[in-house]
């Protein structure tokens, strides 16, 4: 996922060729297709038509809520409300800046996300893909403290978003967090992610490209699938459409 400052996940060359096309979700058993979005998916302030997204078969969306201690996505609330109306299972993620306090970032994220998603939503997501200058053991400690704090504040077990190379290097391939649901970014062009890092034996979400084009979104968009690992998608999202 992109930071407001830079993107740290390298693009797969084969998938770049498909940037102008709508990509078909890989054939994963019981998979549900979905997207994740940030301000980048609102070029010139254009709204996302979540009704069209849902009609095209995309069942969930994860929206960037916050980054570090200094940024809130100006489209987070409107996207979350529009997703709820359209019947799209919705969630929120925080882009980590490990150079500042994990407890403060967890509180910053929770305050923003819960203000919008009080009536259901997927569990909170930690997007960890930069080190903030920390060595692996320091980054592991930062991650532990963030996850513990956001779980305390939200009452939900967080989801971890990362990509294999980052976890194997910056996180020293630690297995400490393998009990958390995994959202893995792996642009390998195949029908499943490659070998998982960190002792994970399965994945909940897989981001397989950052260059999808779909109805309702006026820019390239990250495409994902939900594996079914955490059970029924709507039950996992704890959605209360219409309430």
C-alpha atoms as a PDB file:
ATOM      1  CA  UNK A   1       0.000   0.000   0.000  1.00  0.00           C
ATOM      2  CA  UNK A   2       1.262   3.486  -0.671  1.00  0.00           C
ATOM      3  CA  UNK A   3       2.369   5.828   2.040  1.00  0.00           C
ATOM      4  CA  UNK A   4       1.675   9.470   1.438  1.00  0.00           C
ATOM      5  CA  UNK A   5       5.450   9.765   1.072  1.00  0.00           C
ATOM      6  CA  UNK A   6       6.389   6.753  -1.001  1.00  0.00           C
ATOM      7  CA  UNK A   7       5.515   3.206  -1.995  1.00  0.00           C
ATOM      8  CA  UNK A   8       7.845   0.568  -0.637  1.00  0.00           C
ATOM      9  CA  UNK A   9       6.444  -2.581  -2.308  1.00  0.00           C
ATOM     10  CA  UNK A  10       8.112  -3.173  -5.678  1.00  0.00           C
ATOM     11  CA  UNK A  11       5.753  -3.787  -8.576  1.00  0.00           C
ATOM     12  CA  UNK A  12       5.851  -7.052 -10.468  1.00  0.00           C
ATOM     13  CA  UNK A  13       6.700  -6.349 -14.082  1.00  0.00           C
ATOM     14  CA  UNK A  14       4.231  -8.835 -15.469  1.00  0.00           C
ATOM     15  CA  UNK A  15       1.381  -7.249 -13.561  1.00  0.00           C
ATOM     16  CA  UNK A  16       2.314  -3.772 -14.721  1.00  0.00           C
ATOM     17  CA  UNK A  17       1.345  -4.857 -18.204  1.00  0.00           C
ATOM     18  CA  UNK A  18      -2.195  -5.373 -16.952  1.00  0.00           C
ATOM     19  CA  UNK A  19      -2.486  -1.880 -15.454  1.00  0.00           C
ATOM     20  CA  UNK A  20      -5.139  -0.745 -17.922  1.00  0.00           C
ATOM     21  CA  UNK A  21      -7.244  -3.877 -17.532  1.00  0.00           C
ATOM     22  CA  UNK A  22      -9.621  -5.244 -14.960  1.00  0.00           C
ATOM     23  CA  UNK A  23      -7.825  -8.218 -13.463  1.00  0.00           C
ATOM     24  CA  UNK A  24      -9.658 -11.396 -12.551  1.00  0.00           C
ATOM     25  CA  UNK A  25      -9.180 -12.611  -8.997  1.00  0.00           C
ATOM     26  CA  UNK A  26      -7.006 -15.726  -8.739  1.00  0.00           C
ATOM     27  CA  UNK A  27      -8.945 -18.961  -8.440  1.00  0.00           C
ATOM     28  CA  UNK A  28      -8.635 -19.513  -4.691  1.00  0.00           C
ATOM     29  CA  UNK A  29     -11.199 -21.883  -3.188  1.00  0.00           C
ATOM     30  CA  UNK A  30     -14.011 -20.073  -1.295  1.00  0.00           C
ATOM     31  CA  UNK A  31     -12.305 -16.745  -2.035  1.00  0.00           C
ATOM     32  CA  UNK A  32     -14.144 -13.439  -1.904  1.00  0.00           C
ATOM     33  CA  UNK A  33     -12.736 -10.616  -4.049  1.00  0.00           C
ATOM     34  CA  UNK A  34     -12.153  -7.137  -2.656  1.00  0.00           C
ATOM     35  CA  UNK A  35     -10.141  -3.944  -2.867  1.00  0.00           C
ATOM     36  CA  UNK A  36      -8.162  -1.593  -0.687  1.00  0.00           C
ATOM     37  CA  UNK A  37      -8.107   2.135  -1.251  1.00  0.00           C
ATOM     38  CA  UNK A  38      -6.570   5.382  -0.045  1.00  0.00           C
ATOM     39  CA  UNK A  39      -6.652   8.976  -1.249  1.00  0.00           C
ATOM     40  CA  UNK A  40      -4.842   7.839  -4.430  1.00  0.00           C
ATOM     41  CA  UNK A  41      -8.108   6.302  -5.618  1.00  0.00           C
ATOM     42  CA  UNK A  42      -9.774   9.745  -5.597  1.00  0.00           C
ATOM     43  CA  UNK A  43      -7.921  11.577  -8.394  1.00  0.00           C
ATOM     44  CA  UNK A  44      -8.953  15.205  -8.445  1.00  0.00           C
ATOM     45  CA  UNK A  45     -11.327  14.496  -5.559  1.00  0.00           C
ATOM     46  CA  UNK A  46     -13.401  12.048  -7.610  1.00  0.00           C
ATOM     47  CA  UNK A  47     -15.621   9.837  -5.425  1.00  0.00           C
ATOM     48  CA  UNK A  48     -15.578   6.064  -5.567  1.00  0.00           C
ATOM     49  CA  UNK A  49     -18.889   4.612  -6.710  1.00  0.00           C
ATOM     50  CA  UNK A  50     -19.137   1.751  -4.238  1.00  0.00           C
ATOM     51  CA  UNK A  51     -22.418   0.578  -5.750  1.00  0.00           C
ATOM     52  CA  UNK A  52     -20.598  -0.094  -9.009  1.00  0.00           C
ATOM     53  CA  UNK A  53     -17.739  -1.757  -7.136  1.00  0.00           C
ATOM     54  CA  UNK A  54     -20.183  -4.105  -5.398  1.00  0.00           C
ATOM     55  CA  UNK A  55     -22.107  -4.777  -8.621  1.00  0.00           C
ATOM     56  CA  UNK A  56     -18.809  -5.805 -10.248  1.00  0.00           C
ATOM     57  CA  UNK A  57     -18.479  -8.554  -7.638  1.00  0.00           C
ATOM     58  CA  UNK A  58     -16.121  -6.993  -5.082  1.00  0.00           C
ATOM     59  CA  UNK A  59     -17.362  -7.914  -1.621  1.00  0.00           C
ATOM     60  CA  UNK A  60     -15.051  -6.029   0.737  1.00  0.00           C
ATOM     61  CA  UNK A  61     -12.957  -2.908   0.897  1.00  0.00           C
ATOM     62  CA  UNK A  62     -10.195  -1.835   3.255  1.00  0.00           C
ATOM     63  CA  UNK A  63      -9.684   1.899   3.529  1.00  0.00           C
ATOM     64  CA  UNK A  64      -6.640   3.754   4.773  1.00  0.00           C
ATOM     65  CA  UNK A  65      -7.645   5.689   7.873  1.00  0.00           C
ATOM     66  CA  UNK A  66      -4.405   7.075   9.282  1.00  0.00           C
ATOM     67  CA  UNK A  67      -0.628   7.206   8.891  1.00  0.00           C
ATOM     68  CA  UNK A  68       1.815   7.804  11.703  1.00  0.00           C
ATOM     69  CA  UNK A  69       0.598  10.587  13.977  1.00  0.00           C
ATOM     70  CA  UNK A  70       0.245  13.206  11.278  1.00  0.00           C
ATOM     71  CA  UNK A  71      -2.241  12.077   8.623  1.00  0.00           C
ATOM     72  CA  UNK A  72      -5.893  11.160   8.363  1.00  0.00           C
ATOM     73  CA  UNK A  73      -7.337  10.130   5.016  1.00  0.00           C
ATOM     74  CA  UNK A  74      -9.815  12.876   4.035  1.00  0.00           C
ATOM     75  CA  UNK A  75     -11.910  10.304   2.136  1.00  0.00           C
ATOM     76  CA  UNK A  76     -12.063   7.705   4.908  1.00  0.00           C
ATOM     77  CA  UNK A  77     -15.458   8.667   6.315  1.00  0.00           C
ATOM     78  CA  UNK A  78     -17.196   9.104   2.965  1.00  0.00           C
ATOM     79  CA  UNK A  79     -15.817   5.814   1.653  1.00  0.00           C
ATOM     80  CA  UNK A  80     -16.794   3.922   4.804  1.00  0.00           C
ATOM     81  CA  UNK A  81     -20.345   5.245   4.795  1.00  0.00           C
ATOM     82  CA  UNK A  82     -20.771   4.641   1.055  1.00  0.00           C
ATOM     83  CA  UNK A  83     -19.459   1.077   1.440  1.00  0.00           C
ATOM     84  CA  UNK A  84     -21.972   0.382   4.175  1.00  0.00           C
ATOM     85  CA  UNK A  85     -24.826   1.636   2.001  1.00  0.00           C
ATOM     86  CA  UNK A  86     -23.589  -0.460  -0.943  1.00  0.00           C
ATOM     87  CA  UNK A  87     -23.304  -3.629   1.152  1.00  0.00           C
ATOM     88  CA  UNK A  88     -19.513  -3.845   0.923  1.00  0.00           C
ATOM     89  CA  UNK A  89     -17.835  -5.324   3.996  1.00  0.00           C
ATOM     90  CA  UNK A  90     -15.556  -2.553   5.155  1.00  0.00           C
ATOM     91  CA  UNK A  91     -12.404  -2.213   7.187  1.00  0.00           C
ATOM     92  CA  UNK A  92      -9.740   0.330   8.109  1.00  0.00           C
ATOM     93  CA  UNK A  93      -5.955   0.247   8.142  1.00  0.00           C
ATOM     94  CA  UNK A  94      -3.180   2.260   9.727  1.00  0.00           C
ATOM     95  CA  UNK A  95       0.086   2.844   7.852  1.00  0.00           C
ATOM     96  CA  UNK A  96       2.775   2.488  10.494  1.00  0.00           C
ATOM     97  CA  UNK A  97       5.523   5.019  11.120  1.00  0.00           C
ATOM     98  CA  UNK A  98       7.788   3.128  13.538  1.00  0.00           C
ATOM     99  CA  UNK A  99       9.841   6.255  14.233  1.00  0.00           C
ATOM    100  CA  UNK A 100       7.183   7.427  16.722  1.00  0.00           C
ATOM    101  CA  UNK A 101       5.270   5.901  19.629  1.00  0.00           C
ATOM    102  CA  UNK A 102       3.249   2.755  18.839  1.00  0.00           C
ATOM    103  CA  UNK A 103       0.823   3.437  21.690  1.00  0.00           C
ATOM    104  CA  UNK A 104       0.132   6.955  20.450  1.00  0.00           C
ATOM    105  CA  UNK A 105      -0.372   5.699  16.886  1.00  0.00           C
ATOM    106  CA  UNK A 106      -2.749   2.976  18.066  1.00  0.00           C
ATOM    107  CA  UNK A 107      -4.804   5.576  19.932  1.00  0.00           C
ATOM    108  CA  UNK A 108      -4.737   7.927  16.929  1.00  0.00           C
ATOM    109  CA  UNK A 109      -5.949   5.172  14.625  1.00  0.00           C
ATOM    110  CA  UNK A 110      -8.617   3.875  17.016  1.00  0.00           C
ATOM    111  CA  UNK A 111     -10.050   7.345  17.607  1.00  0.00           C
ATOM    112  CA  UNK A 112     -10.404   7.955  13.870  1.00  0.00           C
ATOM    113  CA  UNK A 113     -11.546   4.474  12.833  1.00  0.00           C
ATOM    114  CA  UNK A 114     -14.051   3.883  15.624  1.00  0.00           C
ATOM    115  CA  UNK A 115     -15.632   7.281  15.084  1.00  0.00           C
ATOM    116  CA  UNK A 116     -16.682   6.036  11.645  1.00  0.00           C
ATOM    117  CA  UNK A 117     -16.961   2.247  11.948  1.00  0.00           C
ATOM    118  CA  UNK A 118     -18.749   1.821  15.267  1.00  0.00           C
ATOM    119  CA  UNK A 119     -21.491  -0.264  13.634  1.00  0.00           C
ATOM    120  CA  UNK A 120     -19.405  -3.165  12.459  1.00  0.00           C
ATOM    121  CA  UNK A 121     -16.460  -3.603  10.165  1.00  0.00           C
ATOM    122  CA  UNK A 122     -13.504  -5.873   9.630  1.00  0.00           C
ATOM    123  CA  UNK A 123     -10.907  -5.949  12.427  1.00  0.00           C
ATOM    124  CA  UNK A 124      -8.304  -3.170  12.446  1.00  0.00           C
ATOM    125  CA  UNK A 125      -5.305  -3.595  10.178  1.00  0.00           C
ATOM    126  CA  UNK A 126      -1.686  -2.671  10.862  1.00  0.00           C
ATOM    127  CA  UNK A 127       0.149  -1.942   7.597  1.00  0.00           C
ATOM    128  CA  UNK A 128       3.805  -2.539   8.520  1.00  0.00           C
ATOM    129  CA  UNK A 129       6.218  -2.066   5.622  1.00  0.00           C
ATOM    130  CA  UNK A 130       8.749   0.539   6.773  1.00  0.00           C
ATOM    131  CA  UNK A 131      11.260   0.379   9.608  1.00  0.00           C
ATOM    132  CA  UNK A 132      11.385   3.981  10.801  1.00  0.00           C
ATOM    133  CA  UNK A 133      15.111   3.391  11.245  1.00  0.00           C
ATOM    134  CA  UNK A 134      14.599   0.620  13.800  1.00  0.00           C
ATOM    135  CA  UNK A 135      16.661  -2.557  13.983  1.00  0.00           C
ATOM    136  CA  UNK A 136      14.694  -5.831  13.786  1.00  0.00           C
ATOM    137  CA  UNK A 137      14.356  -6.422  17.530  1.00  0.00           C
ATOM    138  CA  UNK A 138      13.267  -2.822  18.063  1.00  0.00           C
ATOM    139  CA  UNK A 139      10.754  -3.102  15.242  1.00  0.00           C
ATOM    140  CA  UNK A 140       9.408  -6.354  16.665  1.00  0.00           C
ATOM    141  CA  UNK A 141       8.919  -4.632  20.023  1.00  0.00           C
ATOM    142  CA  UNK A 142       7.219  -1.665  18.314  1.00  0.00           C
ATOM    143  CA  UNK A 143       4.845  -3.996  16.485  1.00  0.00           C
ATOM    144  CA  UNK A 144       4.003  -5.937  19.639  1.00  0.00           C
ATOM    145  CA  UNK A 145       3.186  -2.758  21.532  1.00  0.00           C
ATOM    146  CA  UNK A 146       1.044  -1.348  18.710  1.00  0.00           C
ATOM    147  CA  UNK A 147      -0.957  -4.554  18.305  1.00  0.00           C
ATOM    148  CA  UNK A 148      -1.529  -4.946  22.035  1.00  0.00           C
ATOM    149  CA  UNK A 149      -2.700  -1.354  22.349  1.00  0.00           C
ATOM    150  CA  UNK A 150      -5.042  -1.336  19.365  1.00  0.00           C
ATOM    151  CA  UNK A 151      -6.566  -4.647  20.506  1.00  0.00           C
ATOM    152  CA  UNK A 152      -7.163  -3.185  23.964  1.00  0.00           C
ATOM    153  CA  UNK A 153      -8.782  -0.090  22.474  1.00  0.00           C
ATOM    154  CA  UNK A 154     -10.960  -1.811  19.882  1.00  0.00           C
ATOM    155  CA  UNK A 155     -11.648  -5.222  21.395  1.00  0.00           C
ATOM    156  CA  UNK A 156     -10.699  -6.887  18.089  1.00  0.00           C
ATOM    157  CA  UNK A 157      -7.713  -9.027  17.148  1.00  0.00           C
ATOM    158  CA  UNK A 158      -5.817  -6.953  14.548  1.00  0.00           C
ATOM    159  CA  UNK A 159      -4.843  -8.105  11.079  1.00  0.00           C
ATOM    160  CA  UNK A 160      -1.213  -7.673   9.975  1.00  0.00           C
ATOM    161  CA  UNK A 161      -0.497  -6.444   6.435  1.00  0.00           C
ATOM    162  CA  UNK A 162       3.031  -6.912   5.142  1.00  0.00           C
ATOM    163  CA  UNK A 163       5.014  -8.415   2.285  1.00  0.00           C
ATOM    164  CA  UNK A 164       7.404 -11.369   2.433  1.00  0.00           C
ATOM    165  CA  UNK A 165      10.754  -9.641   1.827  1.00  0.00           C
ATOM    166  CA  UNK A 166      10.091  -6.974   4.411  1.00  0.00           C
ATOM    167  CA  UNK A 167       9.085  -9.478   7.073  1.00  0.00           C
ATOM    168  CA  UNK A 168      12.022 -11.772   6.406  1.00  0.00           C
ATOM    169  CA  UNK A 169      14.524  -8.920   6.592  1.00  0.00           C
ATOM    170  CA  UNK A 170      13.277  -5.970   8.646  1.00  0.00           C
ATOM    171  CA  UNK A 171      11.387  -8.249  11.070  1.00  0.00           C
ATOM    172  CA  UNK A 172      14.073 -10.965  11.066  1.00  0.00           C
ATOM    173  CA  UNK A 173      11.353 -13.411   9.977  1.00  0.00           C
ATOM    174  CA  UNK A 174      10.055 -13.537  13.547  1.00  0.00           C
ATOM    175  CA  UNK A 175       7.321 -16.099  14.233  1.00  0.00           C
ATOM    176  CA  UNK A 176       6.010 -14.185  17.265  1.00  0.00           C
ATOM    177  CA  UNK A 177       2.977 -12.838  15.417  1.00  0.00           C
ATOM    178  CA  UNK A 178       1.887 -15.950  13.522  1.00  0.00           C
ATOM    179  CA  UNK A 179      -1.312 -16.156  15.598  1.00  0.00           C
ATOM    180  CA  UNK A 180      -2.562 -12.910  14.030  1.00  0.00           C
ATOM    181  CA  UNK A 181      -4.541 -13.011  10.767  1.00  0.00           C
ATOM    182  CA  UNK A 182      -2.242 -12.266   7.843  1.00  0.00           C
ATOM    183  CA  UNK A 183      -2.868  -9.979   4.894  1.00  0.00           C
ATOM    184  CA  UNK A 184       0.001 -10.698   2.545  1.00  0.00           C
ATOM    185  CA  UNK A 185       1.071  -8.602  -0.454  1.00  0.00           C
ATOM    186  CA  UNK A 186       2.637 -10.872  -3.064  1.00  0.00           C
ATOM    187  CA  UNK A 187       2.520  -9.857  -6.727  1.00  0.00           C
ATOM    188  CA  UNK A 188       3.725 -13.135  -8.186  1.00  0.00           C
ATOM    189  CA  UNK A 189       1.226 -13.487 -11.035  1.00  0.00           C
ATOM    190  CA  UNK A 190       0.135 -16.918  -9.834  1.00  0.00           C
ATOM    191  CA  UNK A 191      -2.956 -18.407  -8.211  1.00  0.00           C
ATOM    192  CA  UNK A 192      -1.695 -18.218  -4.625  1.00  0.00           C
ATOM    193  CA  UNK A 193       0.882 -16.338  -2.579  1.00  0.00           C
ATOM    194  CA  UNK A 194       4.370 -17.760  -2.445  1.00  0.00           C
ATOM    195  CA  UNK A 195       5.812 -19.303   0.739  1.00  0.00           C
ATOM    196  CA  UNK A 196       4.612 -17.297   3.721  1.00  0.00           C
ATOM    197  CA  UNK A 197       7.063 -15.605   6.089  1.00  0.00           C
ATOM    198  CA  UNK A 198       7.038 -15.489   9.867  1.00  0.00           C
ATOM    199  CA  UNK A 199       5.736 -18.957  10.673  1.00  0.00           C
ATOM    200  CA  UNK A 200       2.296 -18.284   9.178  1.00  0.00           C
ATOM    201  CA  UNK A 201       0.714 -21.401   7.736  1.00  0.00           C
ATOM    202  CA  UNK A 202      -2.244 -19.672   6.099  1.00  0.00           C
ATOM    203  CA  UNK A 203      -3.381 -16.239   5.043  1.00  0.00           C
ATOM    204  CA  UNK A 204      -6.643 -14.375   5.464  1.00  0.00           C
ATOM    205  CA  UNK A 205      -6.213 -11.782   2.699  1.00  0.00           C
ATOM    206  CA  UNK A 206      -3.962 -11.678  -0.328  1.00  0.00           C
ATOM    207  CA  UNK A 207      -3.178  -8.477  -2.217  1.00  0.00           C
ATOM    208  CA  UNK A 208      -2.144  -9.757  -5.633  1.00  0.00           C
ATOM    209  CA  UNK A 209      -1.784  -6.543  -7.655  1.00  0.00           C
ATOM    210  CA  UNK A 210      -1.668  -2.778  -7.238  1.00  0.00           C
ATOM    211  CA  UNK A 211      -2.686  -2.076 -10.841  1.00  0.00           C
ATOM    212  CA  UNK A 212      -6.245  -3.317 -11.165  1.00  0.00           C
ATOM    213  CA  UNK A 213      -8.912  -1.300 -12.967  1.00  0.00           C
ATOM    214  CA  UNK A 214     -12.507  -1.867 -11.908  1.00  0.00           C
ATOM    215  CA  UNK A 215     -15.875  -0.142 -12.346  1.00  0.00           C
ATOM    216  CA  UNK A 216     -16.501   2.692  -9.917  1.00  0.00           C
ATOM    217  CA  UNK A 217     -12.853   3.632  -9.271  1.00  0.00           C
ATOM    218  CA  UNK A 218     -11.186   6.290 -11.435  1.00  0.00           C
ATOM    219  CA  UNK A 219      -7.613   5.082 -10.815  1.00  0.00           C
ATOM    220  CA  UNK A 220      -5.538   1.950 -10.475  1.00  0.00           C
ATOM    221  CA  UNK A 221      -6.551   0.048  -7.359  1.00  0.00           C
ATOM    222  CA  UNK A 222      -5.105  -2.738  -5.215  1.00  0.00           C
ATOM    223  CA  UNK A 223      -7.012  -5.997  -5.715  1.00  0.00           C
ATOM    224  CA  UNK A 224      -7.312  -8.668  -3.057  1.00  0.00           C
ATOM    225  CA  UNK A 225      -9.008 -11.911  -2.174  1.00  0.00           C
ATOM    226  CA  UNK A 226     -10.268 -13.128   1.192  1.00  0.00           C
ATOM    227  CA  UNK A 227      -9.461 -16.798   1.660  1.00  0.00           C
ATOM    228  CA  UNK A 228     -12.265 -17.710   4.036  1.00  0.00           C
ATOM    229  CA  UNK A 229      -9.701 -18.575   6.711  1.00  0.00           C
ATOM    230  CA  UNK A 230     -11.570 -16.564   9.348  1.00  0.00           C
ATOM    231  CA  UNK A 231     -15.001 -17.919   8.433  1.00  0.00           C
ATOM    232  CA  UNK A 232     -17.882 -16.205   6.669  1.00  0.00           C
ATOM    233  CA  UNK A 233     -16.801 -12.787   5.434  1.00  0.00           C
ATOM    234  CA  UNK A 234     -19.847 -10.878   6.673  1.00  0.00           C
ATOM    235  CA  UNK A 235     -19.682 -12.564  10.058  1.00  0.00           C
ATOM    236  CA  UNK A 236     -15.969 -11.746  10.297  1.00  0.00           C
ATOM    237  CA  UNK A 237     -16.722  -8.166   9.347  1.00  0.00           C
ATOM    238  CA  UNK A 238     -19.460  -8.062  11.974  1.00  0.00           C
ATOM    239  CA  UNK A 239     -21.519  -6.019   9.550  1.00  0.00           C
ATOM    240  CA  UNK A 240     -24.937  -4.645  10.424  1.00  0.00           C
ATOM    241  CA  UNK A 241     -26.167  -3.365   7.078  1.00  0.00           C
ATOM    242  CA  UNK A 242     -29.317  -1.349   7.431  1.00  0.00           C
ATOM    243  CA  UNK A 243     -29.104  -0.964  11.216  1.00  0.00           C
END
